[in-house]
Amino acid sequence: MDEYAIRALRDDDPEVISAAFTALGWDKPVAQYETYLADQRAGSRDVLVATVADEFAGYVTVRWESPYEPFDGIPEIADFNVLPKFRRRGIGSALMDAAEAVVAARSDVVGIGVGLYADYGTAQRMYVRRGYLPDGRGLVYDGKQVPPGELVRNDDAANLMFTKSLHG
């Protein structure tokens, strides 16, 4: 396994992270990470960055106040990404361990959402193996529960929400 480090998001990270995802054809603008940096400074979000030999490898964020109303008071792990070339090396698990440890210092429970199409399959399986359970509210789109019979687009806004107990 590669030697990796996990640290907080720094001022010089937004451009590096955005460029890494742009190279993959993913739309992750610099402004997104500048917002994360501002949120981190304000104390509303923690951002953990993984590096391998000082090269950006992935990140995860913890939102201290989830926009998903049923998570009232439950911190949410959000926007978890590991670059494809660094996957299957334990980096994603290490990022999740670190995020859960950050949350455990302040909460007994953590929440997470996961997309429903095949690109999210690895994450779906990882969360279940880590002990996350569906919150039982069914399909969520843009943070709102979808009523029975309503049609929604299966895109990144369609999610199933999970929670995990962190203290026993």
Foldseek 3Di string as FASTA:
>chain_A
DFDKDKDWDDPPPLVLVCVLVVVVVDHDHSVNVVVQVVCVVVVQKTKMFMDGVNHTFWIKMKGQQDPQVVCGRAIEIDDTDGPPVCPPVCPSVVRVVVVLVVRVVPDQKHKYKFADDPVRVVVVVVCVVVAWDFPPQDWFFQSHGDDPPDDDDRDRRIITMTMHGSPD
